[in-house]
Amino acid sequence: MANVVITVHTSRFEQLGITPPADWDVAFVDNPFTEEDLIAAAKDAEYLLVESGDRITKEVIDAIPHLKMIQTEGVAFDKVDGVAAREKGIPLCNNKGVNAAAVAEHTIGLILAGLRRTALTDRQIRHESYAVSKAEHFAMGEHELTDKLIGFVGMGDIAKATAKRLENWGCRFAYYDVFRLNAETEAEYHVQYMEYEELVKEADVISLHVPVLPSTIGMLGEEQFRAMKKTALVINTARGEIIDQDALIRALENDEIYGAALDVFIPEPLPGDAPLLNMSKKAMDKLTITPHVAGATDEAFTQMLVKGMANIQRMMDGGEPINVVNRK
């Protein structure tokens, strides 16, 4: 009987009606937990199934002598020391593309909410008045998605899913990625390749879909905000580290862009005294925010657990795990 330690909260399994295989020897370590807690619970573990946000350090990996595989629940894997795992011959696997549909839908929702100022008008009607909301709405203006150039920064599973869902909305698509798509794929998704600097200048909506890497941290900063159209809307459903938040605040305060709609931040959770939440009223009126829930649908979570456990079972049965992300 294989020993499996799971850090995905037990309530997730209960809510979705999912149970691990009966022939697994399972131990749950629910958040919040310390590194010492995890080491103590996993000392005999052969497999780890972890939430994407759980930090699995070299110290943890070195302290689990029988560990054979680490599987993240979602797509992200940057919190796990993949190098330390690789050095011990332990594959680190993710669930590539598992929540692409969910994040794509949320991305489109944020685009529409940002262009039509949905969060602002909702707040005004609730806390001021219908008349004030309507008057300010007309005074500030709003925009349709039709004929807008959507610029994807990173053209992976989520950006592709977003483009597919927007095919008949009358908008145009451009993308920047360090790996350019082939001509057939560009035609399939109706996307035009642009260099990053050109995309930032030309796009009406800039939607971020890149992982956290040294090359992507802060890649949307002061220089890029100043180069954007004053009517540009910035969407971030990727990771908070991609945007220089101080630069974003300045851009919103100085009317350098139309607005921003964000699902991710630095830090998370975003504290009440965060500068981003304490801008002037003018700047706050141009910001739409959600609490890192773009990929958090019941359907996506179900697939994360089902596919993650299936990949572990694949290795238990002597097969080669899929979506190994720490190979050289």
C-alpha atoms as a PDB file:
ATOM      1  CA  MET A   1       0.000   0.000   0.000  1.00  0.00           C
ATOM      2  CA  ALA A   2       1.563   3.270  -1.159  1.00  0.00           C
ATOM      3  CA  ASN A   3       1.952   6.075   1.354  1.00  0.00           C
ATOM      4  CA  VAL A   4       0.544   9.353   0.011  1.00  0.00           C
ATOM      5  CA  VAL A   5       0.563  12.683   1.854  1.00  0.00           C
ATOM      6  CA  ILE A   6      -1.932  15.295   0.644  1.00  0.00           C
ATOM      7  CA  THR A   7      -1.799  18.975   1.544  1.00  0.00           C
ATOM      8  CA  VAL A   8      -4.940  19.848  -0.407  1.00  0.00           C
ATOM      9  CA  HIS A   9      -7.438  20.681   2.324  1.00  0.00           C
ATOM     10  CA  THR A  10      -9.775  17.846   3.258  1.00  0.00           C
ATOM     11  CA  SER A  11     -12.747  20.172   2.837  1.00  0.00           C
ATOM     12  CA  ARG A  12     -12.004  20.367  -0.897  1.00  0.00           C
ATOM     13  CA  PHE A  13     -12.386  16.611  -1.229  1.00  0.00           C
ATOM     14  CA  GLU A  14     -15.547  16.622   0.885  1.00  0.00           C
ATOM     15  CA  GLN A  15     -17.141  19.521  -0.992  1.00  0.00           C
ATOM     16  CA  LEU A  16     -16.547  17.901  -4.370  1.00  0.00           C
ATOM     17  CA  GLY A  17     -17.404  14.361  -3.253  1.00  0.00           C
ATOM     18  CA  ILE A  18     -13.980  12.997  -4.190  1.00  0.00           C
ATOM     19  CA  THR A  19     -12.069  10.327  -2.259  1.00  0.00           C
ATOM     20  CA  PRO A  20      -8.545   8.993  -2.830  1.00  0.00           C
ATOM     21  CA  PRO A  21      -8.251   5.358  -3.952  1.00  0.00           C
ATOM     22  CA  ALA A  22      -9.059   2.887  -1.207  1.00  0.00           C
ATOM     23  CA  ASP A  23      -5.725   1.102  -1.551  1.00  0.00           C
ATOM     24  CA  TRP A  24      -3.728   4.263  -0.809  1.00  0.00           C
ATOM     25  CA  ASP A  25      -2.401   4.879   2.689  1.00  0.00           C
ATOM     26  CA  VAL A  26      -3.359   8.571   2.860  1.00  0.00           C
ATOM     27  CA  ALA A  27      -2.466  11.258   5.386  1.00  0.00           C
ATOM     28  CA  PHE A  28      -3.839  14.791   5.076  1.00  0.00           C
ATOM     29  CA  VAL A  29      -1.883  17.838   6.260  1.00  0.00           C
ATOM     30  CA  ASP A  30      -4.306  20.746   6.215  1.00  0.00           C
ATOM     31  CA  ASN A  31      -3.210  24.360   5.921  1.00  0.00           C
ATOM     32  CA  PRO A  32      -1.905  26.211   7.767  1.00  0.00           C
ATOM     33  CA  PHE A  33       1.078  24.000   8.501  1.00  0.00           C
ATOM     34  CA  THR A  34       4.725  24.584   9.237  1.00  0.00           C
ATOM     35  CA  GLU A  35       7.662  22.987   7.494  1.00  0.00           C
ATOM     36  CA  GLU A  36       8.195  20.910  10.618  1.00  0.00           C
ATOM     37  CA  ASP A  37       4.554  19.769  10.559  1.00  0.00           C
ATOM     38  CA  LEU A  38       4.895  18.580   6.967  1.00  0.00           C
ATOM     39  CA  ILE A  39       8.167  16.786   7.591  1.00  0.00           C
ATOM     40  CA  ALA A  40       6.719  14.975  10.594  1.00  0.00           C
ATOM     41  CA  ALA A  41       3.603  13.889   8.696  1.00  0.00           C
ATOM     42  CA  ALA A  42       5.468  12.911   5.523  1.00  0.00           C
ATOM     43  CA  LYS A  43       8.486  11.124   6.932  1.00  0.00           C
ATOM     44  CA  ASP A  44       7.347   7.825   5.346  1.00  0.00           C
ATOM     45  CA  ALA A  45       5.664   9.313   2.279  1.00  0.00           C
ATOM     46  CA  GLU A  46       6.306   8.003  -1.216  1.00  0.00           C
ATOM     47  CA  TYR A  47       4.093  10.548  -2.990  1.00  0.00           C
ATOM     48  CA  LEU A  48       3.102  14.142  -2.274  1.00  0.00           C
ATOM     49  CA  LEU A  49      -0.040  15.767  -3.677  1.00  0.00           C
ATOM     50  CA  VAL A  50       0.243  19.447  -2.810  1.00  0.00           C
ATOM     51  CA  GLU A  51      -1.631  22.672  -3.399  1.00  0.00           C
ATOM     52  CA  SER A  52       0.120  24.873  -5.947  1.00  0.00           C
ATOM     53  CA  GLY A  53       0.721  27.559  -3.343  1.00  0.00           C
ATOM     54  CA  ASP A  54       2.353  25.249  -0.797  1.00  0.00           C
ATOM     55  CA  ARG A  55       6.068  25.816  -0.344  1.00  0.00           C
ATOM     56  CA  ILE A  56       7.965  22.532  -0.584  1.00  0.00           C
ATOM     57  CA  THR A  57      11.586  23.320   0.196  1.00  0.00           C
ATOM     58  CA  LYS A  58      14.824  21.406  -0.248  1.00  0.00           C
ATOM     59  CA  GLU A  59      14.764  20.765   3.502  1.00  0.00           C
ATOM     60  CA  VAL A  60      11.367  19.078   3.217  1.00  0.00           C
ATOM     61  CA  ILE A  61      12.420  17.019   0.198  1.00  0.00           C
ATOM     62  CA  ASP A  62      15.669  15.923   1.864  1.00  0.00           C
ATOM     63  CA  ALA A  63      13.764  14.889   4.985  1.00  0.00           C
ATOM     64  CA  ILE A  64      11.472  12.440   3.128  1.00  0.00           C
ATOM     65  CA  PRO A  65      13.773   9.509   2.289  1.00  0.00           C
ATOM     66  CA  HIS A  66      11.272   7.372   0.355  1.00  0.00           C
ATOM     67  CA  LEU A  67       9.762  10.161  -1.768  1.00  0.00           C
ATOM     68  CA  LYS A  68       9.185   9.112  -5.386  1.00  0.00           C
ATOM     69  CA  MET A  69       7.074  11.917  -6.855  1.00  0.00           C
ATOM     70  CA  ILE A  70       5.622  15.361  -6.146  1.00  0.00           C
ATOM     71  CA  GLN A  71       2.361  16.300  -7.863  1.00  0.00           C
ATOM     72  CA  THR A  72       0.958  19.825  -7.675  1.00  0.00           C
ATOM     73  CA  GLU A  73      -2.793  20.153  -7.674  1.00  0.00           C
ATOM     74  CA  GLY A  74      -2.858  22.969 -10.207  1.00  0.00           C
ATOM     75  CA  VAL A  75      -0.740  24.440 -12.962  1.00  0.00           C
ATOM     76  CA  ALA A  76       1.756  26.438 -10.886  1.00  0.00           C
ATOM     77  CA  PHE A  77       4.803  24.709  -9.444  1.00  0.00           C
ATOM     78  CA  ASP A  78       7.135  27.589  -8.587  1.00  0.00           C
ATOM     79  CA  LYS A  79       6.720  27.095  -4.820  1.00  0.00           C
ATOM     80  CA  VAL A  80       8.312  23.637  -5.018  1.00  0.00           C
ATOM     81  CA  ASP A  81      12.110  23.309  -5.173  1.00  0.00           C
ATOM     82  CA  GLY A  82      12.177  21.412  -8.445  1.00  0.00           C
ATOM     83  CA  VAL A  83      15.969  21.418  -8.631  1.00  0.00           C
ATOM     84  CA  ALA A  84      16.284  19.730  -5.236  1.00  0.00           C
ATOM     85  CA  ALA A  85      13.730  17.148  -6.338  1.00  0.00           C
ATOM     86  CA  ARG A  86      15.522  16.525  -9.633  1.00  0.00           C
ATOM     87  CA  GLU A  87      18.839  16.016  -7.873  1.00  0.00           C
ATOM     88  CA  LYS A  88      17.222  13.166  -5.951  1.00  0.00           C
ATOM     89  CA  GLY A  89      15.588  11.712  -9.052  1.00  0.00           C
ATOM     90  CA  ILE A  90      12.104  12.808  -7.984  1.00  0.00           C
ATOM     91  CA  PRO A  91       9.791  14.008 -10.760  1.00  0.00           C
ATOM     92  CA  LEU A  92       7.836  17.185 -10.066  1.00  0.00           C
ATOM     93  CA  CYS A  93       4.577  17.197 -12.041  1.00  0.00           C
ATOM     94  CA  ASN A  94       1.861  19.777 -12.547  1.00  0.00           C
ATOM     95  CA  ASN A  95      -1.634  19.713 -14.045  1.00  0.00           C
ATOM     96  CA  LYS A  96      -0.862  21.578 -17.249  1.00  0.00           C
ATOM     97  CA  GLY A  97      -3.874  23.382 -18.667  1.00  0.00           C
ATOM     98  CA  VAL A  98      -6.278  21.947 -16.104  1.00  0.00           C
ATOM     99  CA  ASN A  99      -7.911  25.289 -15.299  1.00  0.00           C
ATOM    100  CA  ALA A 100      -7.457  26.978 -18.693  1.00  0.00           C
ATOM    101  CA  ALA A 101     -11.199  27.168 -19.343  1.00  0.00           C
ATOM    102  CA  ALA A 102     -11.922  28.628 -15.913  1.00  0.00           C
ATOM    103  CA  VAL A 103      -9.191  31.273 -16.127  1.00  0.00           C
ATOM    104  CA  ALA A 104     -10.133  32.134 -19.715  1.00  0.00           C
ATOM    105  CA  GLU A 105     -13.741  32.765 -18.678  1.00  0.00           C
ATOM    106  CA  HIS A 106     -12.610  34.901 -15.733  1.00  0.00           C
ATOM    107  CA  THR A 107     -10.221  36.829 -17.978  1.00  0.00           C
ATOM    108  CA  ILE A 108     -13.078  37.702 -20.312  1.00  0.00           C
ATOM    109  CA  GLY A 109     -15.203  38.670 -17.320  1.00  0.00           C
ATOM    110  CA  LEU A 110     -12.492  41.040 -16.103  1.00  0.00           C
ATOM    111  CA  ILE A 111     -12.089  42.537 -19.571  1.00  0.00           C
ATOM    112  CA  LEU A 112     -15.806  43.286 -19.752  1.00  0.00           C
ATOM    113  CA  ALA A 113     -15.942  44.514 -16.164  1.00  0.00           C
ATOM    114  CA  GLY A 114     -12.975  46.797 -16.783  1.00  0.00           C
ATOM    115  CA  LEU A 115     -14.234  48.246 -20.045  1.00  0.00           C
ATOM    116  CA  ARG A 116     -17.784  48.761 -18.693  1.00  0.00           C
ATOM    117  CA  ARG A 117     -16.725  49.776 -15.135  1.00  0.00           C
ATOM    118  CA  THR A 118     -19.034  47.164 -13.617  1.00  0.00           C
ATOM    119  CA  ALA A 119     -17.455  47.061 -10.146  1.00  0.00           C
ATOM    120  CA  LEU A 120     -17.517  50.856  -9.881  1.00  0.00           C
ATOM    121  CA  THR A 121     -21.161  51.237 -10.845  1.00  0.00           C
ATOM    122  CA  ASP A 122     -22.190  48.409  -8.518  1.00  0.00           C
ATOM    123  CA  ARG A 123     -20.415  50.109  -5.616  1.00  0.00           C
ATOM    124  CA  GLN A 124     -21.891  53.526  -6.458  1.00  0.00           C
ATOM    125  CA  ILE A 125     -25.454  52.234  -6.637  1.00  0.00           C
ATOM    126  CA  ARG A 126     -25.094  50.396  -3.329  1.00  0.00           C
ATOM    127  CA  HIS A 127     -23.329  53.147  -1.377  1.00  0.00           C
ATOM    128  CA  GLU A 128     -24.228  56.387  -3.152  1.00  0.00           C
ATOM    129  CA  SER A 129     -27.219  56.400  -5.475  1.00  0.00           C
ATOM    130  CA  TYR A 130     -28.503  55.183  -8.802  1.00  0.00           C
ATOM    131  CA  ALA A 131     -28.509  58.738 -10.149  1.00  0.00           C
ATOM    132  CA  VAL A 132     -24.927  59.427  -9.073  1.00  0.00           C
ATOM    133  CA  SER A 133     -23.764  56.156 -10.602  1.00  0.00           C
ATOM    134  CA  LYS A 134     -25.448  56.826 -13.926  1.00  0.00           C
ATOM    135  CA  ALA A 135     -24.226  60.427 -14.121  1.00  0.00           C
ATOM    136  CA  GLU A 136     -20.616  59.503 -13.344  1.00  0.00           C
ATOM    137  CA  HIS A 137     -20.823  56.560 -15.719  1.00  0.00           C
ATOM    138  CA  PHE A 138     -21.780  58.819 -18.613  1.00  0.00           C
ATOM    139  CA  ALA A 139     -19.192  61.399 -17.586  1.00  0.00           C
ATOM    140  CA  MET A 140     -16.352  58.844 -17.440  1.00  0.00           C
ATOM    141  CA  GLY A 141     -17.444  56.907 -20.511  1.00  0.00           C
ATOM    142  CA  GLU A 142     -17.099  53.220 -21.258  1.00  0.00           C
ATOM    143  CA  HIS A 143     -16.036  51.042 -24.170  1.00  0.00           C
ATOM    144  CA  GLU A 144     -17.173  48.073 -26.209  1.00  0.00           C
ATOM    145  CA  LEU A 145     -14.973  45.073 -26.894  1.00  0.00           C
ATOM    146  CA  THR A 146     -15.811  45.208 -30.601  1.00  0.00           C
ATOM    147  CA  ASP A 147     -12.795  46.024 -32.787  1.00  0.00           C
ATOM    148  CA  LYS A 148     -10.437  46.237 -29.806  1.00  0.00           C
ATOM    149  CA  LEU A 149      -6.951  44.752 -30.117  1.00  0.00           C
ATOM    150  CA  ILE A 150      -6.464  42.198 -27.350  1.00  0.00           C
ATOM    151  CA  GLY A 151      -2.755  41.738 -26.656  1.00  0.00           C
ATOM    152  CA  PHE A 152      -1.812  38.478 -24.943  1.00  0.00           C
ATOM    153  CA  VAL A 153       1.515  38.452 -23.122  1.00  0.00           C
ATOM    154  CA  GLY A 154       2.252  34.728 -23.148  1.00  0.00           C
ATOM    155  CA  MET A 155       0.351  32.500 -25.564  1.00  0.00           C
ATOM    156  CA  GLY A 156      -0.098  29.274 -23.620  1.00  0.00           C
ATOM    157  CA  ASP A 157      -3.188  27.238 -22.809  1.00  0.00           C
ATOM    158  CA  ILE A 158      -5.085  30.046 -21.062  1.00  0.00           C
ATOM    159  CA  ALA A 159      -4.456  32.699 -23.712  1.00  0.00           C
ATOM    160  CA  LYS A 160      -5.444  30.231 -26.428  1.00  0.00           C
ATOM    161  CA  ALA A 161      -8.638  29.332 -24.556  1.00  0.00           C
ATOM    162  CA  THR A 162      -9.431  33.027 -24.150  1.00  0.00           C
ATOM    163  CA  ALA A 163      -8.861  33.757 -27.838  1.00  0.00           C
ATOM    164  CA  LYS A 164     -11.093  30.827 -28.841  1.00  0.00           C
ATOM    165  CA  ARG A 165     -13.910  32.079 -26.640  1.00  0.00           C
ATOM    166  CA  LEU A 166     -13.621  35.600 -28.086  1.00  0.00           C
ATOM    167  CA  GLU A 167     -13.480  34.520 -31.738  1.00  0.00           C
ATOM    168  CA  ASN A 168     -16.932  35.879 -32.569  1.00  0.00           C
ATOM    169  CA  TRP A 169     -16.800  39.026 -30.450  1.00  0.00           C
ATOM    170  CA  GLY A 170     -15.472  41.217 -33.239  1.00  0.00           C
ATOM    171  CA  CYS A 171     -12.118  41.918 -31.600  1.00  0.00           C
ATOM    172  CA  ARG A 172      -8.604  41.405 -32.936  1.00  0.00           C
ATOM    173  CA  PHE A 173      -5.747  39.459 -31.337  1.00  0.00           C
ATOM    174  CA  ALA A 174      -1.999  39.923 -31.022  1.00  0.00           C
ATOM    175  CA  TYR A 175       0.472  38.126 -28.814  1.00  0.00           C
ATOM    176  CA  TYR A 176       4.012  38.172 -27.551  1.00  0.00           C
ATOM    177  CA  ASP A 177       5.767  35.037 -26.362  1.00  0.00           C
ATOM    178  CA  VAL A 178       9.404  33.998 -26.156  1.00  0.00           C
ATOM    179  CA  PHE A 179       8.374  30.946 -28.170  1.00  0.00           C
ATOM    180  CA  ARG A 180       6.607  32.051 -31.321  1.00  0.00           C
ATOM    181  CA  LEU A 181       3.771  29.842 -32.537  1.00  0.00           C
ATOM    182  CA  ASN A 182       3.993  28.265 -35.970  1.00  0.00           C
ATOM    183  CA  ALA A 183       1.988  29.795 -38.796  1.00  0.00           C
ATOM    184  CA  GLU A 184      -0.738  27.156 -38.637  1.00  0.00           C
ATOM    185  CA  THR A 185      -1.364  27.758 -34.922  1.00  0.00           C
ATOM    186  CA  GLU A 186      -1.369  31.530 -35.376  1.00  0.00           C
ATOM    187  CA  ALA A 187      -4.009  31.096 -38.095  1.00  0.00           C
ATOM    188  CA  GLU A 188      -6.044  28.719 -35.911  1.00  0.00           C
ATOM    189  CA  TYR A 189      -6.261  31.257 -33.094  1.00  0.00           C
ATOM    190  CA  HIS A 190      -6.351  34.337 -35.366  1.00  0.00           C
ATOM    191  CA  VAL A 191      -3.402  35.877 -33.541  1.00  0.00           C
ATOM    192  CA  GLN A 192      -0.714  38.170 -34.901  1.00  0.00           C
ATOM    193  CA  TYR A 193       2.767  38.040 -33.394  1.00  0.00           C
ATOM    194  CA  MET A 194       4.204  41.318 -32.092  1.00  0.00           C
ATOM    195  CA  GLU A 195       7.385  42.151 -30.269  1.00  0.00           C
ATOM    196  CA  TYR A 196       6.709  43.022 -26.647  1.00  0.00           C
ATOM    197  CA  GLU A 197       7.373  46.754 -27.007  1.00  0.00           C
ATOM    198  CA  GLU A 198       5.049  46.991 -30.010  1.00  0.00           C
ATOM    199  CA  LEU A 199       2.257  45.051 -28.314  1.00  0.00           C
ATOM    200  CA  VAL A 200       2.395  47.284 -25.238  1.00  0.00           C
ATOM    201  CA  LYS A 201       2.046  50.373 -27.432  1.00  0.00           C
ATOM    202  CA  GLU A 202      -0.674  49.066 -29.745  1.00  0.00           C
ATOM    203  CA  ALA A 203      -2.993  46.884 -27.655  1.00  0.00           C
ATOM    204  CA  ASP A 204      -6.282  48.189 -26.269  1.00  0.00           C
ATOM    205  CA  VAL A 205      -6.355  45.368 -23.721  1.00  0.00           C
ATOM    206  CA  ILE A 206      -3.131  43.842 -22.384  1.00  0.00           C
ATOM    207  CA  SER A 207      -3.760  40.450 -20.778  1.00  0.00           C
ATOM    208  CA  LEU A 208      -0.951  38.721 -18.888  1.00  0.00           C
ATOM    209  CA  HIS A 209      -0.511  34.942 -19.125  1.00  0.00           C
ATOM    210  CA  VAL A 210       3.135  34.222 -18.274  1.00  0.00           C
ATOM    211  CA  PRO A 211       4.654  32.235 -15.389  1.00  0.00           C
ATOM    212  CA  VAL A 212       6.863  33.739 -12.698  1.00  0.00           C
ATOM    213  CA  LEU A 213      10.444  33.642 -13.961  1.00  0.00           C
ATOM    214  CA  PRO A 214      13.400  35.979 -13.440  1.00  0.00           C
ATOM    215  CA  SER A 215      12.664  37.370 -16.910  1.00  0.00           C
ATOM    216  CA  THR A 216       8.964  38.019 -16.223  1.00  0.00           C
ATOM    217  CA  ILE A 217       9.065  39.564 -12.751  1.00  0.00           C
ATOM    218  CA  GLY A 218       8.110  43.218 -13.114  1.00  0.00           C
ATOM    219  CA  MET A 219       7.963  42.973 -16.902  1.00  0.00           C
ATOM    220  CA  LEU A 220       5.021  45.380 -16.892  1.00  0.00           C
ATOM    221  CA  GLY A 221       6.557  48.420 -15.264  1.00  0.00           C
ATOM    222  CA  GLU A 222       6.873  52.181 -15.480  1.00  0.00           C
ATOM    223  CA  GLU A 223       8.346  52.186 -18.993  1.00  0.00           C
ATOM    224  CA  GLN A 224       5.546  49.993 -20.333  1.00  0.00           C
ATOM    225  CA  PHE A 225       2.739  51.947 -18.659  1.00  0.00           C
ATOM    226  CA  ARG A 226       4.036  55.197 -20.134  1.00  0.00           C
ATOM    227  CA  ALA A 227       4.163  53.600 -23.579  1.00  0.00           C
ATOM    228  CA  MET A 228       0.546  52.353 -23.462  1.00  0.00           C
ATOM    229  CA  LYS A 229      -2.464  54.037 -24.950  1.00  0.00           C
ATOM    230  CA  LYS A 230      -4.281  56.188 -22.415  1.00  0.00           C
ATOM    231  CA  THR A 231      -7.313  54.048 -23.240  1.00  0.00           C
ATOM    232  CA  ALA A 232      -5.509  50.762 -22.474  1.00  0.00           C
ATOM    233  CA  LEU A 233      -6.894  48.263 -19.977  1.00  0.00           C
ATOM    234  CA  VAL A 234      -4.501  45.916 -18.136  1.00  0.00           C
ATOM    235  CA  ILE A 235      -5.686  42.440 -17.106  1.00  0.00           C
ATOM    236  CA  ASN A 236      -3.691  40.139 -14.820  1.00  0.00           C
ATOM    237  CA  THR A 237      -4.887  36.597 -14.125  1.00  0.00           C
ATOM    238  CA  ALA A 238      -1.326  35.204 -14.093  1.00  0.00           C
ATOM    239  CA  ARG A 239       0.777  36.131 -11.049  1.00  0.00           C
ATOM    240  CA  GLY A 240       1.152  39.331  -9.070  1.00  0.00           C
ATOM    241  CA  GLU A 241       4.908  39.416  -9.576  1.00  0.00           C
ATOM    242  CA  ILE A 242       4.481  40.144 -13.303  1.00  0.00           C
ATOM    243  CA  ILE A 243       3.361  43.732 -12.636  1.00  0.00           C
ATOM    244  CA  ASP A 244       5.356  46.395 -10.816  1.00  0.00           C
ATOM    245  CA  GLN A 245       2.492  47.441  -8.533  1.00  0.00           C
ATOM    246  CA  ASP A 246       4.082  50.777  -7.631  1.00  0.00           C
ATOM    247  CA  ALA A 247       4.279  51.592 -11.336  1.00  0.00           C
ATOM    248  CA  LEU A 248       0.662  50.517 -11.801  1.00  0.00           C
ATOM    249  CA  ILE A 249      -0.434  52.809  -8.981  1.00  0.00           C
ATOM    250  CA  ARG A 250       1.376  55.738 -10.605  1.00  0.00           C
ATOM    251  CA  ALA A 251      -0.204  54.915 -13.971  1.00  0.00           C
ATOM    252  CA  LEU A 252      -3.702  54.877 -12.459  1.00  0.00           C
ATOM    253  CA  GLU A 253      -3.107  58.030 -10.424  1.00  0.00           C
ATOM    254  CA  ASN A 254      -1.648  59.902 -13.415  1.00  0.00           C
ATOM    255  CA  ASP A 255      -4.315  58.811 -15.912  1.00  0.00           C
ATOM    256  CA  GLU A 256      -1.726  57.018 -18.026  1.00  0.00           C
ATOM    257  CA  ILE A 257      -4.128  54.105 -18.668  1.00  0.00           C
ATOM    258  CA  TYR A 258      -7.891  53.551 -18.747  1.00  0.00           C
ATOM    259  CA  GLY A 259      -7.840  51.015 -15.954  1.00  0.00           C
ATOM    260  CA  ALA A 260      -6.777  47.643 -14.595  1.00  0.00           C
ATOM    261  CA  ALA A 261      -8.555  44.442 -13.596  1.00  0.00           C
ATOM    262  CA  LEU A 262      -6.529  42.124 -11.378  1.00  0.00           C
ATOM    263  CA  ASP A 263      -7.020  38.679  -9.879  1.00  0.00           C
ATOM    264  CA  VAL A 264      -3.486  38.378  -8.487  1.00  0.00           C
ATOM    265  CA  PHE A 265      -1.290  40.574  -6.309  1.00  0.00           C
ATOM    266  CA  ILE A 266       1.871  40.929  -4.279  1.00  0.00           C
ATOM    267  CA  PRO A 267       1.524  39.952  -1.488  1.00  0.00           C
ATOM    268  CA  GLU A 268      -1.346  37.522  -1.181  1.00  0.00           C
ATOM    269  CA  PRO A 269      -3.556  37.805   0.680  1.00  0.00           C
ATOM    270  CA  LEU A 270      -3.622  41.528  -0.069  1.00  0.00           C
ATOM    271  CA  PRO A 271      -3.716  43.373   3.288  1.00  0.00           C
ATOM    272  CA  GLY A 272      -6.138  46.213   3.904  1.00  0.00           C
ATOM    273  CA  ASP A 273      -3.307  48.725   4.192  1.00  0.00           C
ATOM    274  CA  ALA A 274      -1.775  47.754   0.831  1.00  0.00           C
ATOM    275  CA  PRO A 275      -0.981  50.836  -1.292  1.00  0.00           C
ATOM    276  CA  LEU A 276      -3.028  49.381  -4.131  1.00  0.00           C
ATOM    277  CA  LEU A 277      -6.145  49.530  -1.944  1.00  0.00           C
ATOM    278  CA  ASN A 278      -5.435  53.031  -0.663  1.00  0.00           C
ATOM    279  CA  MET A 279      -5.109  55.100  -3.815  1.00  0.00           C
ATOM    280  CA  SER A 280      -7.104  58.234  -4.497  1.00  0.00           C
ATOM    281  CA  LYS A 281     -10.801  57.816  -5.321  1.00  0.00           C
ATOM    282  CA  LYS A 282     -10.023  58.683  -8.942  1.00  0.00           C
ATOM    283  CA  ALA A 283      -7.498  55.850  -9.209  1.00  0.00           C
ATOM    284  CA  MET A 284      -9.595  53.354  -7.242  1.00  0.00           C
ATOM    285  CA  ASP A 285     -12.513  53.978  -9.591  1.00  0.00           C
ATOM    286  CA  LYS A 286     -10.393  52.555 -12.425  1.00  0.00           C
ATOM    287  CA  LEU A 287      -9.497  49.329 -10.606  1.00  0.00           C
ATOM    288  CA  THR A 288     -11.441  46.046 -10.580  1.00  0.00           C
ATOM    289  CA  ILE A 289     -10.144  43.293  -8.296  1.00  0.00           C
ATOM    290  CA  THR A 290     -10.923  39.671  -7.433  1.00  0.00           C
ATOM    291  CA  PRO A 291      -9.132  37.522  -4.799  1.00  0.00           C
ATOM    292  CA  HIS A 292      -7.103  35.061  -6.953  1.00  0.00           C
ATOM    293  CA  VAL A 293     -10.117  32.985  -7.893  1.00  0.00           C
ATOM    294  CA  ALA A 294      -9.847  32.915 -11.703  1.00  0.00           C
ATOM    295  CA  GLY A 295      -9.170  29.183 -11.799  1.00  0.00           C
ATOM    296  CA  ALA A 296     -11.164  28.273  -8.706  1.00  0.00           C
ATOM    297  CA  THR A 297     -14.304  26.762 -10.188  1.00  0.00           C
ATOM    298  CA  ASP A 298     -15.720  23.503  -8.849  1.00  0.00           C
ATOM    299  CA  GLU A 299     -15.217  22.008 -12.289  1.00  0.00           C
ATOM    300  CA  ALA A 300     -11.529  22.980 -12.366  1.00  0.00           C
ATOM    301  CA  PHE A 301     -10.901  21.773  -8.817  1.00  0.00           C
ATOM    302  CA  THR A 302     -12.524  18.446  -9.634  1.00  0.00           C
ATOM    303  CA  GLN A 303     -10.229  17.969 -12.619  1.00  0.00           C
ATOM    304  CA  MET A 304      -7.199  19.009 -10.565  1.00  0.00           C
ATOM    305  CA  LEU A 305      -7.818  16.317  -7.980  1.00  0.00           C
ATOM    306  CA  VAL A 306      -8.891  13.610 -10.417  1.00  0.00           C
ATOM    307  CA  LYS A 307      -6.004  14.182 -12.820  1.00  0.00           C
ATOM    308  CA  GLY A 308      -3.428  14.698 -10.067  1.00  0.00           C
ATOM    309  CA  MET A 309      -4.347  11.426  -8.372  1.00  0.00           C
ATOM    310  CA  ALA A 310      -4.447   9.645 -11.746  1.00  0.00           C
ATOM    311  CA  ASN A 311      -0.890  10.768 -12.460  1.00  0.00           C
ATOM    312  CA  ILE A 312       0.277   9.452  -9.084  1.00  0.00           C
ATOM    313  CA  GLN A 313      -1.507   6.166  -9.781  1.00  0.00           C
ATOM    314  CA  ARG A 314       0.180   6.011 -13.182  1.00  0.00           C
ATOM    315  CA  MET A 315       3.584   6.035 -11.486  1.00  0.00           C
ATOM    316  CA  MET A 316       2.456   3.581  -8.825  1.00  0.00           C
ATOM    317  CA  ASP A 317       1.505   1.195 -11.632  1.00  0.00           C
ATOM    318  CA  GLY A 318       4.990   1.435 -13.135  1.00  0.00           C
ATOM    319  CA  GLY A 319       4.183   3.979 -15.826  1.00  0.00           C
ATOM    320  CA  GLU A 320       5.877   7.245 -16.700  1.00  0.00           C
ATOM    321  CA  PRO A 321       4.203  10.270 -15.084  1.00  0.00           C
ATOM    322  CA  ILE A 322       3.056  13.061 -17.384  1.00  0.00           C
ATOM    323  CA  ASN A 323       3.670  16.819 -17.154  1.00  0.00           C
ATOM    324  CA  VAL A 324       7.076  16.495 -15.487  1.00  0.00           C
ATOM    325  CA  VAL A 325       8.333  20.056 -15.119  1.00  0.00           C
ATOM    326  CA  ASN A 326      11.752  19.595 -13.510  1.00  0.00           C
ATOM    327  CA  ARG A 327      13.585  17.719 -16.219  1.00  0.00           C
ATOM    328  CA  LYS A 328      16.759  19.318 -17.569  1.00  0.00           C
END
